[in-house]
Amino acid sequence: MPDVVVFNILIPCTENATGIVHPPAKFDAWLLETVERFGGATVMGVALRGLWFDPELPREANPIEDHNNWYKVGVQPHRVDELREHVQETARSFGQKCLYFERAGEAEFVWDPAHRPTA
């Protein structure tokens, strides 16, 4: 069994409905909360350009360009649903219809034998 299940999470820099840019402090607070809850996270990139199609908008309004912060979070297998709920709340908090939540794979921790946990 893997030590962690790894997920990629993209959070847009702007609110979906208003286009208001989220302040860096909001992302910092989210990152710290995520690390406290799940034990770690990595910022993979910030303000990365993306394009997507919104089927609720007229064809001429697409594609939509946005910029996203990309995070990698690994959780113990039994906490996957808890992370999914956290991401749902993140979508709500950041004013998004949805967030990109990709199960990226599994990972294990390879320890220096002198520091390997006993349990």
N, C-alpha and C. Protein backbone atom coordinates (compact mmCIF):
# COMPACT_ATOMS: atom_id res chain seq x y z
N MET A 1 0.85 -1.18 0.00
CA MET A 1 0.00 0.00 0.00
C MET A 1 0.89 1.24 0.00
N PRO A 2 0.52 2.26 -0.78
CA PRO A 2 1.34 3.48 -0.83
C PRO A 2 1.25 4.26 0.47
N ASP A 3 2.28 5.06 0.72
CA ASP A 3 2.25 5.96 1.87
C ASP A 3 1.22 7.07 1.66
N VAL A 4 1.17 7.60 0.43
CA VAL A 4 0.23 8.69 0.12
C VAL A 4 -0.32 8.54 -1.29
N VAL A 5 -1.52 9.08 -1.47
CA VAL A 5 -2.12 9.25 -2.79
C VAL A 5 -1.92 10.72 -3.14
N VAL A 6 -1.38 10.98 -4.32
CA VAL A 6 -0.98 12.32 -4.71
C VAL A 6 -2.02 12.96 -5.63
N PHE A 7 -2.34 14.23 -5.36
CA PHE A 7 -3.30 14.97 -6.17
C PHE A 7 -2.70 16.28 -6.63
N ASN A 8 -3.06 16.68 -7.85
CA ASN A 8 -2.78 18.01 -8.37
C ASN A 8 -4.06 18.82 -8.24
N ILE A 9 -3.94 20.03 -7.73
CA ILE A 9 -5.08 20.92 -7.54
C ILE A 9 -4.74 22.26 -8.19
N LEU A 10 -5.64 22.73 -9.06
CA LEU A 10 -5.47 24.05 -9.67
C LEU A 10 -6.52 24.99 -9.11
N ILE A 11 -6.06 26.14 -8.62
CA ILE A 11 -6.97 27.16 -8.08
C ILE A 11 -6.79 28.43 -8.91
N PRO A 12 -7.85 28.87 -9.61
CA PRO A 12 -7.76 30.09 -10.41
C PRO A 12 -7.44 31.31 -9.55
N CYS A 13 -6.71 32.23 -10.15
CA CYS A 13 -6.30 33.45 -9.46
C CYS A 13 -7.43 34.47 -9.38
N THR A 14 -8.47 34.29 -10.18
CA THR A 14 -9.59 35.23 -10.18
C THR A 14 -10.90 34.51 -9.88
N GLU A 15 -11.82 35.23 -9.27
CA GLU A 15 -13.15 34.68 -9.00
C GLU A 15 -13.89 34.51 -10.32
N ASN A 16 -14.60 33.41 -10.44
CA ASN A 16 -15.26 33.07 -11.69
C ASN A 16 -16.28 34.13 -12.12
N ALA A 17 -17.21 34.51 -11.26
CA ALA A 17 -18.32 35.38 -11.64
C ALA A 17 -17.91 36.85 -11.81
N THR A 18 -16.97 37.31 -10.99
CA THR A 18 -16.66 38.75 -10.97
C THR A 18 -15.35 39.11 -11.64
N GLY A 19 -14.43 38.15 -11.76
CA GLY A 19 -13.11 38.43 -12.31
C GLY A 19 -12.19 39.11 -11.32
N ILE A 20 -12.63 39.26 -10.08
CA ILE A 20 -11.79 39.88 -9.05
C ILE A 20 -10.59 38.97 -8.78
N VAL A 21 -9.41 39.57 -8.73
CA VAL A 21 -8.18 38.82 -8.48
C VAL A 21 -8.06 38.55 -6.98
N HIS A 22 -7.83 37.29 -6.64
CA HIS A 22 -7.65 36.92 -5.24
C HIS A 22 -6.28 37.41 -4.76
N PRO A 23 -6.22 37.98 -3.57
CA PRO A 23 -4.93 38.45 -3.05
C PRO A 23 -4.01 37.28 -2.69
N PRO A 24 -2.70 37.48 -2.81
CA PRO A 24 -1.76 36.42 -2.45
C PRO A 24 -1.98 35.88 -1.03
N ALA A 25 -2.41 36.73 -0.11
CA ALA A 25 -2.63 36.29 1.27
C ALA A 25 -3.71 35.20 1.35
N LYS A 26 -4.68 35.25 0.46
CA LYS A 26 -5.74 34.22 0.46
C LYS A 26 -5.15 32.86 0.07
N PHE A 27 -4.25 32.86 -0.91
CA PHE A 27 -3.59 31.62 -1.31
C PHE A 27 -2.65 31.13 -0.20
N ASP A 28 -1.95 32.06 0.44
CA ASP A 28 -1.05 31.68 1.54
C ASP A 28 -1.84 31.05 2.68
N ALA A 29 -2.98 31.63 3.02
CA ALA A 29 -3.82 31.08 4.10
C ALA A 29 -4.33 29.70 3.72
N TRP A 30 -4.73 29.52 2.45
CA TRP A 30 -5.21 28.20 2.00
C TRP A 30 -4.08 27.17 2.10
N LEU A 31 -2.90 27.56 1.67
CA LEU A 31 -1.76 26.64 1.70
C LEU A 31 -1.44 26.23 3.13
N LEU A 32 -1.39 27.19 4.05
CA LEU A 32 -1.09 26.86 5.45
C LEU A 32 -2.16 25.97 6.05
N GLU A 33 -3.43 26.26 5.78
CA GLU A 33 -4.51 25.42 6.29
C GLU A 33 -4.39 24.00 5.74
N THR A 34 -4.09 23.88 4.45
CA THR A 34 -3.96 22.56 3.82
C THR A 34 -2.81 21.78 4.43
N VAL A 35 -1.68 22.45 4.65
CA VAL A 35 -0.52 21.79 5.25
C VAL A 35 -0.84 21.34 6.67
N GLU A 36 -1.51 22.20 7.44
CA GLU A 36 -1.87 21.83 8.81
C GLU A 36 -2.82 20.63 8.84
N ARG A 37 -3.77 20.59 7.92
CA ARG A 37 -4.76 19.51 7.90
C ARG A 37 -4.20 18.20 7.37
N PHE A 38 -3.35 18.28 6.33
CA PHE A 38 -2.95 17.06 5.64
C PHE A 38 -1.46 16.74 5.72
N GLY A 39 -0.67 17.61 6.34
CA GLY A 39 0.72 17.30 6.60
C GLY A 39 1.72 17.85 5.60
N GLY A 40 1.25 18.35 4.48
CA GLY A 40 2.19 18.91 3.51
C GLY A 40 1.51 19.26 2.20
N ALA A 41 2.15 20.14 1.45
CA ALA A 41 1.71 20.53 0.11
C ALA A 41 2.89 21.21 -0.56
N THR A 42 2.90 21.17 -1.87
CA THR A 42 3.96 21.80 -2.64
C THR A 42 3.34 22.75 -3.65
N VAL A 43 3.87 23.96 -3.74
CA VAL A 43 3.45 24.89 -4.78
C VAL A 43 4.25 24.54 -6.03
N MET A 44 3.56 24.10 -7.07
CA MET A 44 4.22 23.67 -8.29
C MET A 44 4.39 24.83 -9.28
N GLY A 45 3.52 25.82 -9.18
CA GLY A 45 3.60 26.97 -10.08
C GLY A 45 2.54 27.98 -9.70
N VAL A 46 2.75 29.22 -10.06
CA VAL A 46 1.76 30.26 -9.78
C VAL A 46 1.45 31.02 -11.07
N ALA A 47 0.21 31.47 -11.16
CA ALA A 47 -0.28 32.26 -12.30
C ALA A 47 -0.01 31.58 -13.64
N LEU A 48 -0.23 30.26 -13.70
CA LEU A 48 -0.02 29.51 -14.93
C LEU A 48 -1.22 29.71 -15.86
N ARG A 49 -0.96 30.04 -17.10
CA ARG A 49 -2.02 30.33 -18.07
C ARG A 49 -2.72 29.05 -18.52
N GLY A 50 -4.04 29.13 -18.58
CA GLY A 50 -4.84 28.03 -19.09
C GLY A 50 -6.02 28.54 -19.89
N LEU A 51 -6.58 27.66 -20.70
CA LEU A 51 -7.77 27.96 -21.48
C LEU A 51 -8.77 26.84 -21.26
N TRP A 52 -10.05 27.21 -21.24
CA TRP A 52 -11.09 26.19 -21.07
C TRP A 52 -12.38 26.68 -21.71
N PHE A 53 -13.28 25.74 -21.98
CA PHE A 53 -14.58 26.05 -22.56
C PHE A 53 -15.64 25.89 -21.50
N ASP A 54 -16.49 26.90 -21.38
CA ASP A 54 -17.62 26.86 -20.45
C ASP A 54 -18.88 26.61 -21.26
N PRO A 55 -19.48 25.42 -21.15
CA PRO A 55 -20.67 25.10 -21.94
C PRO A 55 -21.89 25.94 -21.58
N GLU A 56 -21.84 26.65 -20.45
CA GLU A 56 -22.96 27.50 -20.06
C GLU A 56 -22.92 28.87 -20.75
N LEU A 57 -21.81 29.18 -21.41
CA LEU A 57 -21.66 30.47 -22.10
C LEU A 57 -21.84 30.29 -23.61
N PRO A 58 -22.20 31.37 -24.31
CA PRO A 58 -22.29 31.29 -25.77
C PRO A 58 -20.93 30.92 -26.37
N ARG A 59 -20.97 30.26 -27.50
CA ARG A 59 -19.74 29.79 -28.17
C ARG A 59 -18.73 30.93 -28.36
N GLU A 60 -19.21 32.12 -28.72
CA GLU A 60 -18.29 33.23 -28.98
C GLU A 60 -17.61 33.76 -27.72
N ALA A 61 -18.11 33.39 -26.55
CA ALA A 61 -17.48 33.80 -25.28
C ALA A 61 -16.34 32.85 -24.88
N ASN A 62 -16.16 31.79 -25.65
CA ASN A 62 -15.14 30.79 -25.36
C ASN A 62 -14.00 30.90 -26.36
N PRO A 63 -12.81 30.43 -26.08
CA PRO A 63 -12.41 29.87 -24.80
C PRO A 63 -12.18 30.98 -23.77
N ILE A 64 -12.21 30.55 -22.52
CA ILE A 64 -11.94 31.45 -21.41
C ILE A 64 -10.49 31.26 -21.00
N GLU A 65 -9.79 32.37 -20.87
CA GLU A 65 -8.41 32.31 -20.40
C GLU A 65 -8.41 32.56 -18.90
N ASP A 66 -7.65 31.77 -18.19
CA ASP A 66 -7.48 32.04 -16.77
C ASP A 66 -6.05 31.73 -16.37
N HIS A 67 -5.72 32.14 -15.17
CA HIS A 67 -4.41 31.87 -14.59
C HIS A 67 -4.64 31.15 -13.27
N ASN A 68 -3.86 30.11 -13.05
CA ASN A 68 -4.07 29.24 -11.90
C ASN A 68 -2.79 29.05 -11.10
N ASN A 69 -2.98 28.82 -9.81
CA ASN A 69 -1.89 28.34 -8.96
C ASN A 69 -2.04 26.83 -8.88
N TRP A 70 -0.93 26.14 -8.99
CA TRP A 70 -0.91 24.67 -9.05
C TRP A 70 -0.25 24.14 -7.78
N TYR A 71 -0.98 23.24 -7.10
CA TYR A 71 -0.50 22.64 -5.86
C TYR A 71 -0.50 21.13 -5.98
N LYS A 72 0.44 20.51 -5.30
CA LYS A 72 0.51 19.05 -5.22
C LYS A 72 0.35 18.71 -3.75
N VAL A 73 -0.63 17.82 -3.47
CA VAL A 73 -0.92 17.42 -2.09
C VAL A 73 -1.00 15.90 -2.05
N GLY A 74 -0.32 15.30 -1.10
CA GLY A 74 -0.39 13.86 -0.88
C GLY A 74 -1.08 13.57 0.44
N VAL A 75 -2.01 12.62 0.41
CA VAL A 75 -2.72 12.24 1.62
C VAL A 75 -2.70 10.72 1.79
N GLN A 76 -2.85 10.30 3.03
CA GLN A 76 -2.97 8.87 3.28
C GLN A 76 -4.23 8.36 2.57
N PRO A 77 -4.20 7.14 2.05
CA PRO A 77 -5.33 6.64 1.27
C PRO A 77 -6.69 6.80 1.95
N HIS A 78 -6.76 6.63 3.26
CA HIS A 78 -8.05 6.73 3.94
C HIS A 78 -8.53 8.19 4.09
N ARG A 79 -7.72 9.17 3.67
CA ARG A 79 -8.10 10.59 3.80
C ARG A 79 -8.44 11.25 2.45
N VAL A 80 -8.54 10.45 1.39
CA VAL A 80 -8.84 11.00 0.06
C VAL A 80 -10.17 11.74 0.06
N ASP A 81 -11.21 11.16 0.65
CA ASP A 81 -12.52 11.82 0.68
C ASP A 81 -12.47 13.12 1.47
N GLU A 82 -11.69 13.14 2.53
CA GLU A 82 -11.53 14.37 3.32
C GLU A 82 -10.87 15.47 2.49
N LEU A 83 -9.86 15.10 1.70
CA LEU A 83 -9.22 16.09 0.83
C LEU A 83 -10.21 16.57 -0.23
N ARG A 84 -11.00 15.67 -0.81
CA ARG A 84 -12.00 16.06 -1.81
C ARG A 84 -12.98 17.08 -1.21
N GLU A 85 -13.42 16.85 0.02
CA GLU A 85 -14.32 17.81 0.68
C GLU A 85 -13.62 19.16 0.88
N HIS A 86 -12.35 19.14 1.23
CA HIS A 86 -11.57 20.37 1.38
C HIS A 86 -11.50 21.13 0.06
N VAL A 87 -11.34 20.40 -1.04
CA VAL A 87 -11.28 21.03 -2.36
C VAL A 87 -12.65 21.59 -2.74
N GLN A 88 -13.72 20.91 -2.38
CA GLN A 88 -15.07 21.45 -2.63
C GLN A 88 -15.26 22.77 -1.88
N GLU A 89 -14.84 22.82 -0.65
CA GLU A 89 -14.94 24.06 0.12
C GLU A 89 -14.02 25.14 -0.47
N THR A 90 -12.88 24.74 -1.00
CA THR A 90 -11.97 25.67 -1.65
C THR A 90 -12.64 26.29 -2.88
N ALA A 91 -13.33 25.48 -3.66
CA ALA A 91 -14.05 26.00 -4.83
C ALA A 91 -15.05 27.07 -4.41
N ARG A 92 -15.78 26.78 -3.36
CA ARG A 92 -16.77 27.74 -2.85
C ARG A 92 -16.07 29.01 -2.36
N SER A 93 -15.03 28.85 -1.59
CA SER A 93 -14.31 29.99 -1.00
C SER A 93 -13.67 30.89 -2.06
N PHE A 94 -13.19 30.28 -3.16
CA PHE A 94 -12.53 31.05 -4.20
C PHE A 94 -13.49 31.44 -5.33
N GLY A 95 -14.79 31.21 -5.13
CA GLY A 95 -15.79 31.64 -6.10
C GLY A 95 -15.71 30.92 -7.44
N GLN A 96 -15.52 29.60 -7.39
CA GLN A 96 -15.38 28.81 -8.61
C GLN A 96 -16.54 27.84 -8.78
N LYS A 97 -16.90 27.56 -10.04
CA LYS A 97 -17.90 26.53 -10.32
C LYS A 97 -17.34 25.16 -9.95
N CYS A 98 -16.06 24.98 -10.23
CA CYS A 98 -15.38 23.72 -9.92
C CYS A 98 -13.88 23.97 -9.91
N LEU A 99 -13.15 23.01 -9.40
CA LEU A 99 -11.69 23.06 -9.42
C LEU A 99 -11.16 21.80 -10.07
N TYR A 100 -10.01 21.91 -10.69
CA TYR A 100 -9.32 20.78 -11.27
C TYR A 100 -8.66 20.01 -10.13
N PHE A 101 -9.04 18.74 -9.97
CA PHE A 101 -8.58 17.89 -8.87
C PHE A 101 -8.18 16.57 -9.50
N GLU A 102 -6.89 16.40 -9.73
CA GLU A 102 -6.39 15.25 -10.46
C GLU A 102 -5.66 14.28 -9.53
N ARG A 103 -6.10 13.05 -9.55
CA ARG A 103 -5.36 12.00 -8.85
C ARG A 103 -4.14 11.69 -9.69
N ALA A 104 -2.98 12.09 -9.19
CA ALA A 104 -1.75 12.01 -9.97
C ALA A 104 -1.04 10.67 -9.83
N GLY A 105 -1.32 9.95 -8.77
CA GLY A 105 -0.65 8.67 -8.57
C GLY A 105 -0.45 8.39 -7.10
N GLU A 106 0.52 7.55 -6.85
CA GLU A 106 0.82 7.15 -5.48
C GLU A 106 2.29 7.41 -5.22
N ALA A 107 2.61 7.61 -3.95
CA ALA A 107 4.00 7.86 -3.58
C ALA A 107 4.34 7.12 -2.30
N GLU A 108 5.60 6.89 -2.13
CA GLU A 108 6.09 6.31 -0.88
C GLU A 108 7.22 7.18 -0.37
N PHE A 109 7.46 7.11 0.91
CA PHE A 109 8.58 7.83 1.51
C PHE A 109 9.75 6.86 1.63
N VAL A 110 10.89 7.26 1.10
CA VAL A 110 12.10 6.46 1.18
C VAL A 110 12.99 7.12 2.22
N TRP A 111 13.20 6.44 3.32
CA TRP A 111 13.87 7.02 4.48
C TRP A 111 15.34 6.67 4.55
N ASP A 112 16.12 7.60 5.05
CA ASP A 112 17.45 7.30 5.54
C ASP A 112 17.21 6.36 6.72
N PRO A 113 17.84 5.18 6.77
CA PRO A 113 17.56 4.23 7.84
C PRO A 113 17.69 4.82 9.25
N ALA A 114 18.56 5.80 9.43
CA ALA A 114 18.73 6.40 10.75
C ALA A 114 17.52 7.22 11.18
N HIS A 115 16.65 7.57 10.24
CA HIS A 115 15.50 8.42 10.54
C HIS A 115 14.17 7.74 10.28
N ARG A 116 14.19 6.46 9.90
CA ARG A 116 12.96 5.74 9.58
C ARG A 116 12.07 5.64 10.82
N PRO A 117 10.79 6.03 10.70
CA PRO A 117 9.87 5.90 11.83
C PRO A 117 9.69 4.43 12.22
N THR A 118 9.47 4.19 13.48
CA THR A 118 9.33 2.81 13.95
C THR A 118 7.91 2.28 13.78
N ALA A 119 6.93 3.18 13.70
CA ALA A 119 5.54 2.68 13.60
C ALA A 119 4.90 3.10 12.32
